[in-house]
Structures are given as C-alpha cells and as structure tokens.
Amino acid sequence: MNTQPIDLRSDTVTRPSADMRAAMAAAEVGDDQFGEDPTINALQHRLAQLLGKEAALWLPTGTMANQVTLRVLTRPGDDVIVSRQSHAVWHESGASAANAGVQFTEIGSRGVFSAEEFQAACKPRGHVVYPPTTLVEIENTHNRAGGVVVPQSIIVQICQLARDSQIASFLDGARLWNAATASGRSPAELAAPFDLVSVAFSKGLGAPGGSALAGSQALITAAIRYRRMAGGAMRQVGSFAAAALHALDHNMSRLVEDHDNARKIGDILARNPRIILDPQSVQTNILVFDLAQDAPDAATVVNRAREQGVLIFAFGPRTIRAVTHPDVSAGQCEQAAHILSQIVSA
C-alpha cells in the first residue's frame, strides 16, 4: 500500500488542519458541566442562531445526540417512524432499543418517504395492541441511500402531519451542511419544521469530533440531563468547540468541492458495465454503488483496492460506499475511480 492511501471510507477520517489545531490550542476553556466553558457557550449560541432555534447543546458524538433525542421525545415502548436503512437502525449498535426502549417502523425507499406513507404507518395512542407512534425521524442527507437530500417540500408536509397528530419530529442532520449546500437552502430553513435537530462537525466539516442538538429551550434543558445520564457531561472541552467554530468559518464554503469530487467518481464508475450506479443519484459527497453478478464481490473489491492504495467500505455483499472529504483532492478522487473500475473489470 502507498504510505498515504486515498481514504474514501468516510468523511470522518479527516485530520484537523494546522489552522484548526492552532485554534484548538488557543481555545479558552472552562467546566462545561457547570456551563462555564466560554468556547462551548459561544458555539452553542452560534448554532442556535444558525439553525433558527432557541438553544443548542454540544455533545461528544452524533450517536449520543440521537440517543439523547429519543430519551427527550419518547418513552419506552413507543414507536418511531424512520426511513429504511436509517442511521438510527443500522449504525448505532442497537442503542435505541437498549437505551430508550423504542421500536422502529421503517418506511419509504432510497432515504425518502412520503407524507402518505408516514400517515399510513402512524399507530394511534391508546390502542389495545399497537405501540403509539410518538416520533418521526428524518435523516438528511441519508447515508446508506448515497447522500440523498430529502426534498424540503416533503419534509414540511410530514412535520405538519406530525404536529397535527401530536407526534414529535427530529432531524438527524449529521450531514445537514451537505444538504444545505446541495439544495441551496439555509440550515435554518432545513431545520425549521423540526422540534429537535442534530448536526455533526466531524464529517464534511473536518473537525476531530463533536455534534450538537438544537431546539426549544425546554427540550434542550431536558437534553442536558439525558446527556449526563449517557456519560456526555464533559469538562474543559472548549478545544472541540474551537475546532467546530473554525470549521463553520472555513470549511462550509468548500463542501461544494466534495460534491464535485463525488460526481467525478460517479461519472467514471458509471461507465463500467459491471458497476450499477446512476451518476444522477450522486447528490452530495457519498456514493453507494452495487456490483453486477459477473463482477467480484464487495469484500474482494475492498481488499484489492486497499492493495492499490484506495480505501473504501463495503455496505453489503455486493454494495460499496465511497465518501469524499477535505483530505482527498480532485486528482486523487479521479485516480481512485479509475483504480476501482479496473479492479471490478479484472
């Protein structure tokens, strides 16, 4: 393998830049559990404004943000409606059942479900058999669907139906910044229909860690308690907030480059008859493609790619994901695409 492989496994593999490290080293810190970390407080204030909510809360990870949300908005035995193959179901090690005691109803396809599908899936409160639906969760962008941006018109309809039925709404916006860039809408507009919204700083923005929740003051106050219950009440963590603030200032505008690089990869891979990928489906920085039956399987492609200095991730026996990010250039993405196409053709 090359000493520095082209790492397309995830946008979480980025390393903080020298400028980001300098900002982290210079951060003013305090005890965040007592609300005394000035850099965390500055980040939370900025996020509340950026997302159009009353308050925001920093958390160590996106999974913790999602789990805290469930504790705030649901009770054990409740039903939560989500898109098929959502992060909450597939990528949190069963935490939602273990921590919040909820069950999921997966609906729709390719990361999106309609208002009609949502309405049909809702289970009433007080039914003698059914668990009550108390929360609808939308992942935007949708990871396993290939970085799909959920149409805002559908989101508005679903959240209005939820409010009318006294069902809470949550936006898993770990990659909300990518959705905003791709759709041309502001983060506040995308977040507006929801009761609670999560965002992450360690994905497209390139920070070394940290996520956040934003919502009403009452919901964020409740989230503070559940964050502590989950072990997320940390101390002098202003350095993480400094990284996030630096990322918001310097890395938001360059997300379009990641999207362009993903499309470049998609255009090259789609020419290979053994690769099943519609290049028009590449909307942001994630590509998910399938391998035809006469192609090597995903594990073989992943291993052969590693040998040639390209790191990718298998989502299934014949499904692969590649993700662009600040640490890979346009030239590296083009090189990686040609290597992958050659491997599949061998």
Foldseek 3Di string as FASTA:
>chain_A
DPPAFAEFAALLPFADDPVLLVLLVPAQWWFVLVPPGVLQVVLFVVVCVQQVADTKHKFFALLLVVQLVLQLFHAAQAEEEEAPPACNPPPNVCCCCVRRNYYYDHDDPLQEDALVGLVVPADPPPDPPHHGAAEYEGEALGAVSFRRGYDQVRVLSNLVVCVVRNHAYEYSPQPVLQNCVLVVHGSNSSNVSHQKYKYWCSGQLPQNTMMMMGHYPVSVVSSSVVCVVVVGSGTTPSSSSSSSVVSVVPRSVCQVQLLVLQLLLQVLQVVQPQKAADSVRSRGFKGKIFGHPPWQWPVQLQVVLVVVRYHWAAPDRGMTMTGGHDVDHSVSSNVSSVSSSVNRVD
